[in-house]
Amino acid sequence: MMKAKGPSKSPQKPVRRMPSVQDARFNQLALQLGVPLKELAPLLQISESTLHRFRKQTHLKGPTAERIELLQGIIQHGLRVYGGDAEALRAWLRYPLGELDGKTPLQSLTTIAGFTQVDDVLGRIEHGIFF
């Protein structure tokens, strides 16, 4: 006599989680700046583990949200200056500048004063004012 088999168990498929809004936002920001997430954390003045925790959240507020807005402003200004050429902007962000005491714009974006300086340099480039 044959025993009836229960429903066959198929191998379980891995559950794919949809990226959160913040996850997509951080990934886009890193892509636009040409940096890995590991290098994005210091620009946001947070640790790498905090960045990964924030990626799962649906809403950010406070200093991190403000820094994201500042970075997005620099990116938008840079894209205007470079005619929408994202690759040229990424190259410029990694180029040491005398106006920034030999630091790259990315290195300068770790302080609020640095954001102002980088934005000023972009403004001078935009208006053809070179030193």
N, C-alpha and C. Protein backbone atom coordinates (compact mmCIF):
# COMPACT_ATOMS: atom_id res chain seq x y z
N MET A 1 0.82 -1.16 0.00
CA MET A 1 0.00 0.00 0.00
C MET A 1 0.89 1.25 0.00
N MET A 2 0.54 2.20 -0.88
CA MET A 2 1.31 3.44 -1.01
C MET A 2 0.76 4.50 -0.07
N LYS A 3 1.67 5.17 0.52
CA LYS A 3 1.25 6.29 1.37
C LYS A 3 1.12 7.54 0.51
N ALA A 4 0.12 8.29 0.80
CA ALA A 4 -0.07 9.55 0.06
C ALA A 4 1.00 10.54 0.49
N LYS A 5 1.59 11.14 -0.49
CA LYS A 5 2.61 12.15 -0.20
C LYS A 5 1.94 13.49 0.05
N GLY A 6 2.47 14.22 0.95
CA GLY A 6 1.99 15.58 1.20
C GLY A 6 2.47 16.48 0.07
N PRO A 7 2.10 17.72 0.13
CA PRO A 7 2.55 18.64 -0.92
C PRO A 7 4.07 18.68 -0.95
N SER A 8 4.59 18.63 -2.16
CA SER A 8 6.05 18.66 -2.28
C SER A 8 6.55 20.04 -1.89
N LYS A 9 7.64 20.00 -1.20
CA LYS A 9 8.23 21.27 -0.78
C LYS A 9 9.28 21.67 -1.79
N SER A 10 9.06 22.81 -2.39
CA SER A 10 10.06 23.32 -3.31
C SER A 10 11.05 24.15 -2.52
N PRO A 11 12.25 24.23 -3.01
CA PRO A 11 13.23 25.04 -2.29
C PRO A 11 12.71 26.48 -2.16
N GLN A 12 12.91 27.04 -0.99
CA GLN A 12 12.43 28.41 -0.78
C GLN A 12 13.33 29.40 -1.50
N LYS A 13 12.67 30.34 -2.12
CA LYS A 13 13.41 31.38 -2.80
C LYS A 13 13.82 32.43 -1.78
N PRO A 14 15.00 33.00 -1.98
CA PRO A 14 15.40 34.06 -1.05
C PRO A 14 14.44 35.24 -1.16
N VAL A 15 14.16 35.81 -0.03
CA VAL A 15 13.26 36.97 -0.01
C VAL A 15 14.08 38.19 -0.39
N ARG A 16 13.62 38.88 -1.41
CA ARG A 16 14.30 40.10 -1.84
C ARG A 16 13.58 41.28 -1.23
N ARG A 17 14.31 42.03 -0.47
CA ARG A 17 13.67 43.20 0.11
C ARG A 17 13.79 44.35 -0.87
N MET A 18 12.74 45.11 -0.94
CA MET A 18 12.74 46.29 -1.79
C MET A 18 13.59 47.36 -1.11
N PRO A 19 14.41 48.05 -1.88
CA PRO A 19 15.21 49.09 -1.24
C PRO A 19 14.30 50.18 -0.67
N SER A 20 14.66 50.64 0.52
CA SER A 20 13.88 51.72 1.13
C SER A 20 14.16 53.02 0.39
N VAL A 21 13.36 54.00 0.67
CA VAL A 21 13.56 55.32 0.05
C VAL A 21 14.95 55.85 0.41
N GLN A 22 15.33 55.68 1.67
CA GLN A 22 16.64 56.19 2.10
C GLN A 22 17.77 55.40 1.46
N ASP A 23 17.59 54.09 1.32
CA ASP A 23 18.61 53.26 0.69
C ASP A 23 18.87 53.76 -0.73
N ALA A 24 17.80 53.98 -1.47
CA ALA A 24 17.92 54.48 -2.84
C ALA A 24 18.55 55.87 -2.85
N ARG A 25 18.18 56.69 -1.88
CA ARG A 25 18.72 58.06 -1.81
C ARG A 25 20.22 58.05 -1.54
N PHE A 26 20.65 57.21 -0.59
CA PHE A 26 22.08 57.12 -0.28
C PHE A 26 22.85 56.56 -1.48
N ASN A 27 22.30 55.53 -2.12
CA ASN A 27 22.97 54.95 -3.29
C ASN A 27 23.11 55.97 -4.41
N GLN A 28 22.05 56.74 -4.65
CA GLN A 28 22.08 57.77 -5.70
C GLN A 28 23.11 58.85 -5.37
N LEU A 29 23.13 59.27 -4.12
CA LEU A 29 24.07 60.30 -3.69
C LEU A 29 25.51 59.81 -3.87
N ALA A 30 25.79 58.58 -3.46
CA ALA A 30 27.13 58.02 -3.62
C ALA A 30 27.51 57.92 -5.09
N LEU A 31 26.57 57.52 -5.92
CA LEU A 31 26.82 57.42 -7.36
C LEU A 31 27.13 58.79 -7.95
N GLN A 32 26.33 59.78 -7.58
CA GLN A 32 26.54 61.13 -8.13
C GLN A 32 27.89 61.71 -7.70
N LEU A 33 28.31 61.40 -6.47
CA LEU A 33 29.59 61.91 -5.97
C LEU A 33 30.77 61.05 -6.43
N GLY A 34 30.46 59.85 -6.93
CA GLY A 34 31.53 58.95 -7.37
C GLY A 34 32.29 58.33 -6.22
N VAL A 35 31.58 58.07 -5.12
CA VAL A 35 32.21 57.47 -3.94
C VAL A 35 31.44 56.22 -3.52
N PRO A 36 32.13 55.26 -2.89
CA PRO A 36 31.40 54.14 -2.32
C PRO A 36 30.70 54.60 -1.03
N LEU A 37 29.72 53.83 -0.57
CA LEU A 37 29.00 54.20 0.65
C LEU A 37 29.95 54.41 1.82
N LYS A 38 31.03 53.65 1.84
CA LYS A 38 32.03 53.76 2.90
C LYS A 38 32.60 55.18 2.98
N GLU A 39 32.76 55.85 1.82
CA GLU A 39 33.28 57.22 1.79
C GLU A 39 32.18 58.26 1.95
N LEU A 40 30.93 57.85 1.77
CA LEU A 40 29.82 58.78 1.94
C LEU A 40 29.58 59.08 3.42
N ALA A 41 29.78 58.10 4.28
CA ALA A 41 29.52 58.26 5.72
C ALA A 41 30.26 59.47 6.33
N PRO A 42 31.57 59.63 6.10
CA PRO A 42 32.25 60.79 6.68
C PRO A 42 31.71 62.13 6.15
N LEU A 43 31.25 62.14 4.89
CA LEU A 43 30.68 63.37 4.34
C LEU A 43 29.39 63.74 5.06
N LEU A 44 28.70 62.74 5.59
CA LEU A 44 27.46 62.97 6.33
C LEU A 44 27.71 63.10 7.82
N GLN A 45 29.00 63.01 8.21
CA GLN A 45 29.41 63.10 9.62
C GLN A 45 28.76 62.01 10.47
N ILE A 46 28.69 60.79 9.91
CA ILE A 46 28.18 59.64 10.64
C ILE A 46 29.12 58.46 10.39
N SER A 47 29.01 57.45 11.24
CA SER A 47 29.84 56.27 11.06
C SER A 47 29.24 55.41 9.94
N GLU A 48 30.04 54.50 9.45
CA GLU A 48 29.57 53.60 8.39
C GLU A 48 28.41 52.73 8.90
N SER A 49 28.49 52.27 10.16
CA SER A 49 27.40 51.44 10.68
C SER A 49 26.11 52.24 10.83
N THR A 50 26.22 53.51 11.20
CA THR A 50 25.03 54.36 11.29
C THR A 50 24.43 54.57 9.91
N LEU A 51 25.28 54.74 8.92
CA LEU A 51 24.79 54.90 7.54
C LEU A 51 23.98 53.67 7.13
N HIS A 52 24.49 52.48 7.42
CA HIS A 52 23.77 51.26 7.06
C HIS A 52 22.46 51.14 7.82
N ARG A 53 22.44 51.60 9.06
CA ARG A 53 21.18 51.59 9.83
C ARG A 53 20.19 52.59 9.24
N PHE A 54 20.68 53.78 8.89
CA PHE A 54 19.81 54.81 8.30
C PHE A 54 19.24 54.37 6.95
N ARG A 55 19.97 53.52 6.23
CA ARG A 55 19.51 53.07 4.91
C ARG A 55 18.19 52.31 5.00
N LYS A 56 17.91 51.73 6.16
CA LYS A 56 16.68 50.94 6.34
C LYS A 56 15.50 51.80 6.76
N GLN A 57 15.76 53.03 7.13
CA GLN A 57 14.69 53.89 7.62
C GLN A 57 13.91 54.51 6.47
N THR A 58 12.71 54.94 6.79
CA THR A 58 11.88 55.56 5.75
C THR A 58 12.00 57.08 5.74
N HIS A 59 12.45 57.65 6.86
CA HIS A 59 12.51 59.10 6.94
C HIS A 59 13.72 59.50 7.79
N LEU A 60 14.43 60.51 7.34
CA LEU A 60 15.55 61.05 8.10
C LEU A 60 15.26 62.48 8.48
N LYS A 61 15.78 62.88 9.62
CA LYS A 61 15.66 64.27 10.02
C LYS A 61 16.93 64.65 10.76
N GLY A 62 17.05 65.90 11.08
CA GLY A 62 18.20 66.36 11.84
C GLY A 62 19.42 66.62 10.96
N PRO A 63 20.60 66.58 11.59
CA PRO A 63 21.84 66.94 10.89
C PRO A 63 22.13 66.09 9.64
N THR A 64 21.82 64.80 9.68
CA THR A 64 22.09 63.96 8.52
C THR A 64 21.23 64.37 7.33
N ALA A 65 19.96 64.64 7.59
CA ALA A 65 19.07 65.10 6.51
C ALA A 65 19.55 66.43 5.94
N GLU A 66 20.02 67.31 6.82
CA GLU A 66 20.53 68.61 6.37
C GLU A 66 21.78 68.44 5.50
N ARG A 67 22.68 67.54 5.91
CA ARG A 67 23.90 67.32 5.12
C ARG A 67 23.57 66.71 3.76
N ILE A 68 22.57 65.84 3.72
CA ILE A 68 22.15 65.28 2.44
C ILE A 68 21.67 66.40 1.52
N GLU A 69 20.89 67.32 2.07
CA GLU A 69 20.40 68.46 1.27
C GLU A 69 21.56 69.31 0.79
N LEU A 70 22.54 69.55 1.67
CA LEU A 70 23.71 70.34 1.27
C LEU A 70 24.49 69.64 0.15
N LEU A 71 24.70 68.33 0.29
CA LEU A 71 25.41 67.59 -0.75
C LEU A 71 24.65 67.62 -2.07
N GLN A 72 23.34 67.47 -2.00
CA GLN A 72 22.54 67.52 -3.23
C GLN A 72 22.62 68.90 -3.87
N GLY A 73 22.68 69.94 -3.05
CA GLY A 73 22.85 71.30 -3.58
C GLY A 73 24.18 71.47 -4.29
N ILE A 74 25.25 70.93 -3.71
CA ILE A 74 26.57 71.00 -4.36
C ILE A 74 26.54 70.23 -5.67
N ILE A 75 25.92 69.06 -5.67
CA ILE A 75 25.84 68.25 -6.89
C ILE A 75 25.07 69.01 -7.98
N GLN A 76 23.93 69.59 -7.62
CA GLN A 76 23.13 70.33 -8.60
C GLN A 76 23.90 71.52 -9.15
N HIS A 77 24.59 72.25 -8.26
CA HIS A 77 25.38 73.39 -8.70
C HIS A 77 26.50 72.92 -9.63
N GLY A 78 27.18 71.85 -9.24
CA GLY A 78 28.26 71.31 -10.05
C GLY A 78 27.79 70.83 -11.42
N LEU A 79 26.63 70.21 -11.46
CA LEU A 79 26.10 69.76 -12.75
C LEU A 79 25.75 70.95 -13.65
N ARG A 80 25.26 72.04 -13.05
CA ARG A 80 25.00 73.25 -13.85
C ARG A 80 26.31 73.80 -14.42
N VAL A 81 27.32 73.86 -13.57
CA VAL A 81 28.62 74.39 -13.99
C VAL A 81 29.24 73.54 -15.10
N TYR A 82 29.12 72.23 -14.97
CA TYR A 82 29.72 71.31 -15.94
C TYR A 82 28.74 70.86 -17.02
N GLY A 83 27.69 71.62 -17.22
CA GLY A 83 26.75 71.36 -18.31
C GLY A 83 26.09 69.99 -18.24
N GLY A 84 25.86 69.51 -17.03
CA GLY A 84 25.21 68.21 -16.87
C GLY A 84 26.15 67.02 -17.00
N ASP A 85 27.44 67.26 -17.16
CA ASP A 85 28.42 66.19 -17.33
C ASP A 85 28.81 65.64 -15.94
N ALA A 86 28.14 64.57 -15.54
CA ALA A 86 28.36 63.99 -14.20
C ALA A 86 29.78 63.47 -14.03
N GLU A 87 30.35 62.92 -15.09
CA GLU A 87 31.71 62.39 -15.01
C GLU A 87 32.72 63.52 -14.77
N ALA A 88 32.53 64.66 -15.44
CA ALA A 88 33.42 65.81 -15.24
C ALA A 88 33.30 66.32 -13.80
N LEU A 89 32.09 66.34 -13.28
CA LEU A 89 31.90 66.78 -11.90
C LEU A 89 32.60 65.83 -10.93
N ARG A 90 32.44 64.53 -11.14
CA ARG A 90 33.09 63.54 -10.25
C ARG A 90 34.61 63.70 -10.30
N ALA A 91 35.17 63.96 -11.48
CA ALA A 91 36.62 64.17 -11.61
C ALA A 91 37.03 65.42 -10.85
N TRP A 92 36.27 66.50 -11.01
CA TRP A 92 36.58 67.76 -10.34
C TRP A 92 36.54 67.59 -8.81
N LEU A 93 35.58 66.84 -8.32
CA LEU A 93 35.44 66.62 -6.88
C LEU A 93 36.67 65.93 -6.27
N ARG A 94 37.43 65.24 -7.10
CA ARG A 94 38.62 64.50 -6.61
C ARG A 94 39.93 65.21 -6.95
N TYR A 95 39.84 66.41 -7.51
CA TYR A 95 41.04 67.14 -7.92
C TYR A 95 41.45 68.14 -6.84
N PRO A 96 42.69 68.07 -6.33
CA PRO A 96 43.13 69.02 -5.30
C PRO A 96 43.15 70.45 -5.86
N LEU A 97 42.65 71.38 -5.07
CA LEU A 97 42.56 72.77 -5.51
C LEU A 97 43.31 73.69 -4.56
N GLY A 98 44.05 74.64 -5.13
CA GLY A 98 44.75 75.62 -4.32
C GLY A 98 43.79 76.44 -3.47
N GLU A 99 42.61 76.75 -4.04
CA GLU A 99 41.61 77.54 -3.31
C GLU A 99 41.13 76.83 -2.05
N LEU A 100 41.34 75.51 -1.99
CA LEU A 100 40.90 74.72 -0.84
C LEU A 100 42.12 74.21 -0.07
N ASP A 101 43.20 74.99 -0.12
CA ASP A 101 44.46 74.65 0.57
C ASP A 101 45.00 73.29 0.15
N GLY A 102 44.86 72.98 -1.13
CA GLY A 102 45.40 71.74 -1.65
C GLY A 102 44.53 70.51 -1.42
N LYS A 103 43.38 70.71 -0.79
CA LYS A 103 42.46 69.58 -0.57
C LYS A 103 41.54 69.45 -1.77
N THR A 104 40.96 68.26 -1.91
CA THR A 104 39.96 68.06 -2.95
C THR A 104 38.63 68.62 -2.46
N PRO A 105 37.73 68.96 -3.37
CA PRO A 105 36.40 69.38 -2.91
C PRO A 105 35.73 68.32 -2.02
N LEU A 106 35.90 67.04 -2.35
CA LEU A 106 35.31 66.00 -1.50
C LEU A 106 35.86 66.05 -0.08
N GLN A 107 37.16 66.25 0.06
CA GLN A 107 37.75 66.34 1.39
C GLN A 107 37.24 67.56 2.14
N SER A 108 36.91 68.61 1.43
CA SER A 108 36.42 69.84 2.06
C SER A 108 34.98 69.73 2.51
N LEU A 109 34.25 68.79 1.94
CA LEU A 109 32.82 68.67 2.26
C LEU A 109 32.54 67.98 3.59
N THR A 110 33.55 67.87 4.43
CA THR A 110 33.34 67.26 5.75
C THR A 110 32.96 68.31 6.81
N THR A 111 33.02 69.59 6.43
CA THR A 111 32.62 70.66 7.36
C THR A 111 31.64 71.60 6.66
N ILE A 112 30.87 72.32 7.46
CA ILE A 112 29.93 73.29 6.89
C ILE A 112 30.70 74.41 6.17
N ALA A 113 31.80 74.84 6.76
CA ALA A 113 32.63 75.86 6.10
C ALA A 113 33.14 75.33 4.76
N GLY A 114 33.47 74.04 4.70
CA GLY A 114 33.91 73.43 3.46
C GLY A 114 32.84 73.44 2.39
N PHE A 115 31.58 73.22 2.79
CA PHE A 115 30.48 73.29 1.83
C PHE A 115 30.43 74.68 1.20
N THR A 116 30.57 75.70 2.03
CA THR A 116 30.53 77.08 1.55
C THR A 116 31.70 77.34 0.60
N GLN A 117 32.89 76.87 0.97
CA GLN A 117 34.06 77.08 0.12
C GLN A 117 33.90 76.40 -1.24
N VAL A 118 33.43 75.15 -1.22
CA VAL A 118 33.25 74.41 -2.48
C VAL A 118 32.21 75.10 -3.35
N ASP A 119 31.13 75.54 -2.73
CA ASP A 119 30.08 76.23 -3.48
C ASP A 119 30.62 77.54 -4.07
N ASP A 120 31.46 78.25 -3.30
CA ASP A 120 32.07 79.49 -3.80
C ASP A 120 32.98 79.21 -5.00
N VAL A 121 33.77 78.14 -4.94
CA VAL A 121 34.65 77.79 -6.05
C VAL A 121 33.82 77.47 -7.28
N LEU A 122 32.74 76.70 -7.11
CA LEU A 122 31.85 76.41 -8.24
C LEU A 122 31.27 77.70 -8.83
N GLY A 123 30.92 78.64 -7.96
CA GLY A 123 30.40 79.92 -8.43
C GLY A 123 31.42 80.69 -9.24
N ARG A 124 32.68 80.66 -8.81
CA ARG A 124 33.74 81.35 -9.56
C ARG A 124 33.95 80.69 -10.92
N ILE A 125 33.94 79.36 -10.95
CA ILE A 125 34.08 78.65 -12.22
C ILE A 125 32.91 79.02 -13.14
N GLU A 126 31.73 79.03 -12.57
CA GLU A 126 30.51 79.33 -13.34
C GLU A 126 30.58 80.72 -13.98
N HIS A 127 31.19 81.66 -13.26
CA HIS A 127 31.26 83.04 -13.75
C HIS A 127 32.59 83.39 -14.39
N GLY A 128 33.45 82.37 -14.58
CA GLY A 128 34.72 82.59 -15.27
C GLY A 128 35.75 83.34 -14.46
N ILE A 129 35.65 83.29 -13.14
CA ILE A 129 36.61 83.98 -12.28
C ILE A 129 37.61 82.95 -11.77
N PHE A 130 38.85 83.06 -12.25
CA PHE A 130 39.89 82.11 -11.85
C PHE A 130 41.02 82.85 -11.17
N PHE A 131 41.69 82.18 -10.27
CA PHE A 131 42.84 82.78 -9.57
C PHE A 131 44.12 82.22 -10.11
